[in-house]
Amino acid sequence: MRKKLEDGLAPSRLDIIDESHRHAGHAGHNPQGESHFRLEIVSEAFAGKSRVERHRMVNALLAEELAGRVHALALTTLTRDEEGRRL
């Protein structure tokens, strides 16, 4: 996932957090992990895009993973300016 996101979005910050352990007993849970992720991505590729457009960009890059082992993604997608306003 990391390489695809780095190649496709050139992020200034990319945090990939495996939250699979928090979803035990839920649909799509894999006891070995790597089924539920939280992604926090800061990239200028998101400039001028709506939240839905940003999520579609990420989903397109990770289509193979989403069709297989990854059941769920929680996304935070920001530009550098937006990240700076959150601090």
N, C-alpha and C. Protein backbone atom coordinates (compact mmCIF):
# COMPACT_ATOMS: atom_id res chain seq x y z
N MET A 1 0.82 -1.20 0.00
CA MET A 1 0.00 0.00 0.00
C MET A 1 0.86 1.25 0.00
N ARG A 2 1.87 1.24 0.85
CA ARG A 2 2.71 2.44 0.98
C ARG A 2 3.29 2.88 -0.36
N LYS A 3 3.86 1.94 -1.10
CA LYS A 3 4.50 2.31 -2.38
C LYS A 3 3.48 2.87 -3.36
N LYS A 4 2.33 2.25 -3.45
CA LYS A 4 1.29 2.73 -4.37
C LYS A 4 0.85 4.15 -4.01
N LEU A 5 0.66 4.40 -2.73
CA LEU A 5 0.24 5.73 -2.29
C LEU A 5 1.35 6.76 -2.49
N GLU A 6 2.57 6.38 -2.20
CA GLU A 6 3.69 7.30 -2.41
C GLU A 6 3.88 7.61 -3.89
N ASP A 7 3.82 6.60 -4.73
CA ASP A 7 3.97 6.81 -6.17
C ASP A 7 2.83 7.63 -6.76
N GLY A 8 1.61 7.36 -6.29
CA GLY A 8 0.43 8.02 -6.87
C GLY A 8 0.12 9.39 -6.33
N LEU A 9 0.53 9.68 -5.08
CA LEU A 9 0.13 10.94 -4.45
C LEU A 9 1.29 11.81 -3.99
N ALA A 10 2.50 11.28 -3.99
CA ALA A 10 3.69 12.01 -3.51
C ALA A 10 3.38 12.74 -2.20
N PRO A 11 2.94 12.02 -1.18
CA PRO A 11 2.53 12.69 0.07
C PRO A 11 3.71 13.27 0.84
N SER A 12 3.43 14.38 1.54
CA SER A 12 4.43 14.93 2.46
C SER A 12 4.33 14.22 3.80
N ARG A 13 3.18 13.58 4.06
CA ARG A 13 3.01 12.74 5.25
C ARG A 13 2.07 11.61 4.89
N LEU A 14 2.44 10.40 5.30
CA LEU A 14 1.61 9.23 5.07
C LEU A 14 1.70 8.33 6.29
N ASP A 15 0.59 8.20 6.99
CA ASP A 15 0.51 7.31 8.15
C ASP A 15 -0.46 6.19 7.81
N ILE A 16 0.02 4.96 7.92
CA ILE A 16 -0.80 3.77 7.68
C ILE A 16 -0.90 3.03 9.01
N ILE A 17 -2.10 2.97 9.56
CA ILE A 17 -2.31 2.37 10.87
C ILE A 17 -3.21 1.15 10.71
N ASP A 18 -2.70 -0.02 11.09
CA ASP A 18 -3.48 -1.25 11.04
C ASP A 18 -4.36 -1.29 12.29
N GLU A 19 -5.67 -1.16 12.10
CA GLU A 19 -6.63 -1.19 13.21
C GLU A 19 -7.42 -2.49 13.24
N SER A 20 -6.90 -3.52 12.60
CA SER A 20 -7.62 -4.79 12.50
C SER A 20 -7.99 -5.35 13.86
N HIS A 21 -7.09 -5.20 14.83
CA HIS A 21 -7.34 -5.74 16.18
C HIS A 21 -8.58 -5.12 16.83
N ARG A 22 -8.98 -3.95 16.39
CA ARG A 22 -10.14 -3.26 16.97
C ARG A 22 -11.46 -3.76 16.38
N HIS A 23 -11.37 -4.66 15.39
CA HIS A 23 -12.57 -5.10 14.68
C HIS A 23 -12.84 -6.60 14.82
N ALA A 24 -12.27 -7.20 15.84
CA ALA A 24 -12.50 -8.64 16.08
C ALA A 24 -14.00 -8.89 16.19
N GLY A 25 -14.45 -9.91 15.48
CA GLY A 25 -15.87 -10.25 15.50
C GLY A 25 -16.72 -9.50 14.49
N HIS A 26 -16.15 -8.51 13.82
CA HIS A 26 -16.88 -7.75 12.81
C HIS A 26 -16.67 -8.36 11.43
N ALA A 27 -17.52 -8.00 10.51
CA ALA A 27 -17.41 -8.49 9.13
C ALA A 27 -16.06 -8.12 8.54
N GLY A 28 -15.48 -9.06 7.83
CA GLY A 28 -14.22 -8.80 7.15
C GLY A 28 -12.99 -8.90 8.03
N HIS A 29 -13.15 -9.15 9.32
CA HIS A 29 -11.99 -9.21 10.21
C HIS A 29 -11.12 -10.42 9.88
N ASN A 30 -9.82 -10.20 9.87
CA ASN A 30 -8.85 -11.27 9.65
C ASN A 30 -8.00 -11.36 10.91
N PRO A 31 -8.00 -12.50 11.59
CA PRO A 31 -7.23 -12.63 12.84
C PRO A 31 -5.74 -12.35 12.66
N GLN A 32 -5.21 -12.52 11.45
CA GLN A 32 -3.80 -12.24 11.19
C GLN A 32 -3.55 -10.73 10.97
N GLY A 33 -4.59 -9.93 10.98
CA GLY A 33 -4.45 -8.49 10.78
C GLY A 33 -4.54 -8.09 9.32
N GLU A 34 -4.25 -6.84 9.08
CA GLU A 34 -4.24 -6.26 7.74
C GLU A 34 -5.57 -6.37 7.02
N SER A 35 -6.66 -6.11 7.74
CA SER A 35 -7.98 -6.08 7.12
C SER A 35 -8.66 -4.72 7.28
N HIS A 36 -8.32 -3.98 8.32
CA HIS A 36 -8.92 -2.68 8.60
C HIS A 36 -7.79 -1.67 8.84
N PHE A 37 -7.80 -0.59 8.06
CA PHE A 37 -6.73 0.40 8.15
C PHE A 37 -7.27 1.80 8.29
N ARG A 38 -6.50 2.64 8.97
CA ARG A 38 -6.71 4.09 9.00
C ARG A 38 -5.54 4.71 8.26
N LEU A 39 -5.84 5.52 7.25
CA LEU A 39 -4.81 6.20 6.47
C LEU A 39 -4.94 7.70 6.69
N GLU A 40 -3.83 8.32 7.01
CA GLU A 40 -3.77 9.79 7.12
C GLU A 40 -2.76 10.24 6.08
N ILE A 41 -3.26 10.98 5.10
CA ILE A 41 -2.43 11.35 3.95
C ILE A 41 -2.47 12.86 3.75
N VAL A 42 -1.30 13.46 3.65
CA VAL A 42 -1.18 14.88 3.34
C VAL A 42 -0.48 14.97 2.00
N SER A 43 -1.18 15.53 1.01
CA SER A 43 -0.64 15.59 -0.34
C SER A 43 -1.21 16.79 -1.09
N GLU A 44 -0.38 17.42 -1.88
CA GLU A 44 -0.85 18.52 -2.73
C GLU A 44 -1.70 18.00 -3.89
N ALA A 45 -1.67 16.69 -4.13
CA ALA A 45 -2.53 16.11 -5.17
C ALA A 45 -4.01 16.29 -4.82
N PHE A 46 -4.32 16.56 -3.56
CA PHE A 46 -5.70 16.75 -3.12
C PHE A 46 -6.19 18.18 -3.30
N ALA A 47 -5.31 19.10 -3.65
CA ALA A 47 -5.69 20.51 -3.78
C ALA A 47 -6.82 20.67 -4.79
N GLY A 48 -7.85 21.41 -4.38
CA GLY A 48 -8.98 21.70 -5.26
C GLY A 48 -9.96 20.54 -5.43
N LYS A 49 -9.74 19.45 -4.70
CA LYS A 49 -10.61 18.27 -4.81
C LYS A 49 -11.54 18.19 -3.60
N SER A 50 -12.74 17.69 -3.82
CA SER A 50 -13.68 17.46 -2.71
C SER A 50 -13.23 16.24 -1.92
N ARG A 51 -13.82 16.06 -0.76
CA ARG A 51 -13.50 14.90 0.06
C ARG A 51 -13.81 13.60 -0.70
N VAL A 52 -14.93 13.56 -1.41
CA VAL A 52 -15.30 12.37 -2.18
C VAL A 52 -14.28 12.11 -3.28
N GLU A 53 -13.86 13.15 -3.99
CA GLU A 53 -12.85 12.98 -5.05
C GLU A 53 -11.53 12.46 -4.47
N ARG A 54 -11.14 12.96 -3.32
CA ARG A 54 -9.91 12.52 -2.67
C ARG A 54 -9.99 11.03 -2.31
N HIS A 55 -11.12 10.64 -1.74
CA HIS A 55 -11.30 9.25 -1.36
C HIS A 55 -11.30 8.35 -2.59
N ARG A 56 -11.90 8.81 -3.66
CA ARG A 56 -11.89 8.02 -4.90
C ARG A 56 -10.47 7.85 -5.43
N MET A 57 -9.66 8.89 -5.30
CA MET A 57 -8.26 8.78 -5.73
C MET A 57 -7.54 7.69 -4.96
N VAL A 58 -7.71 7.68 -3.64
CA VAL A 58 -7.06 6.67 -2.80
C VAL A 58 -7.61 5.29 -3.13
N ASN A 59 -8.92 5.17 -3.23
CA ASN A 59 -9.53 3.88 -3.53
C ASN A 59 -9.07 3.34 -4.88
N ALA A 60 -8.90 4.20 -5.86
CA ALA A 60 -8.41 3.76 -7.17
C ALA A 60 -6.98 3.22 -7.07
N LEU A 61 -6.15 3.90 -6.31
CA LEU A 61 -4.77 3.43 -6.14
C LEU A 61 -4.70 2.09 -5.42
N LEU A 62 -5.65 1.84 -4.52
CA LEU A 62 -5.63 0.63 -3.71
C LEU A 62 -6.71 -0.37 -4.13
N ALA A 63 -7.16 -0.29 -5.37
CA ALA A 63 -8.25 -1.16 -5.85
C ALA A 63 -7.93 -2.64 -5.66
N GLU A 64 -6.72 -3.04 -5.93
CA GLU A 64 -6.33 -4.45 -5.79
C GLU A 64 -6.44 -4.90 -4.33
N GLU A 65 -5.95 -4.09 -3.42
CA GLU A 65 -6.01 -4.42 -2.00
C GLU A 65 -7.45 -4.46 -1.50
N LEU A 66 -8.27 -3.52 -1.96
CA LEU A 66 -9.66 -3.46 -1.53
C LEU A 66 -10.48 -4.64 -2.08
N ALA A 67 -10.04 -5.19 -3.19
CA ALA A 67 -10.72 -6.36 -3.76
C ALA A 67 -10.28 -7.65 -3.06
N GLY A 68 -9.24 -7.56 -2.25
CA GLY A 68 -8.70 -8.74 -1.59
C GLY A 68 -8.72 -8.63 -0.09
N ARG A 69 -7.54 -8.50 0.49
CA ARG A 69 -7.37 -8.61 1.93
C ARG A 69 -7.88 -7.43 2.74
N VAL A 70 -7.96 -6.23 2.15
CA VAL A 70 -8.38 -5.04 2.91
C VAL A 70 -9.90 -4.92 2.86
N HIS A 71 -10.49 -4.95 4.03
CA HIS A 71 -11.95 -4.88 4.14
C HIS A 71 -12.43 -3.43 4.30
N ALA A 72 -11.64 -2.61 5.02
CA ALA A 72 -12.11 -1.26 5.32
C ALA A 72 -10.95 -0.27 5.44
N LEU A 73 -11.21 0.95 4.96
CA LEU A 73 -10.26 2.06 5.09
C LEU A 73 -10.97 3.23 5.74
N ALA A 74 -10.35 3.82 6.73
CA ALA A 74 -10.80 5.10 7.29
C ALA A 74 -9.78 6.12 6.79
N LEU A 75 -10.25 7.14 6.10
CA LEU A 75 -9.34 8.08 5.43
C LEU A 75 -9.41 9.48 5.99
N THR A 76 -8.23 10.07 6.18
CA THR A 76 -8.09 11.50 6.40
C THR A 76 -7.19 11.97 5.28
N THR A 77 -7.71 12.86 4.43
CA THR A 77 -6.98 13.32 3.24
C THR A 77 -6.91 14.84 3.27
N LEU A 78 -5.70 15.37 3.39
CA LEU A 78 -5.51 16.81 3.55
C LEU A 78 -4.42 17.34 2.63
N THR A 79 -4.47 18.62 2.35
CA THR A 79 -3.34 19.32 1.74
C THR A 79 -2.47 19.83 2.89
N ARG A 80 -1.28 20.33 2.58
CA ARG A 80 -0.41 20.88 3.64
C ARG A 80 -1.06 22.05 4.36
N ASP A 81 -1.73 22.91 3.60
CA ASP A 81 -2.41 24.06 4.23
C ASP A 81 -3.49 23.59 5.20
N GLU A 82 -4.27 22.60 4.80
CA GLU A 82 -5.31 22.09 5.67
C GLU A 82 -4.71 21.43 6.91
N GLU A 83 -3.62 20.72 6.76
CA GLU A 83 -2.95 20.10 7.91
C GLU A 83 -2.48 21.19 8.87
N GLY A 84 -1.91 22.27 8.33
CA GLY A 84 -1.42 23.36 9.16
C GLY A 84 -2.52 24.03 9.97
N ARG A 85 -3.71 24.11 9.43
CA ARG A 85 -4.83 24.72 10.15
C ARG A 85 -5.35 23.83 11.26
N ARG A 86 -5.07 22.53 11.18
CA ARG A 86 -5.52 21.59 12.22
C ARG A 86 -4.62 21.63 13.44
N LEU A 87 -3.39 22.09 13.27
CA LEU A 87 -2.43 22.07 14.38
C LEU A 87 -2.68 23.18 15.37
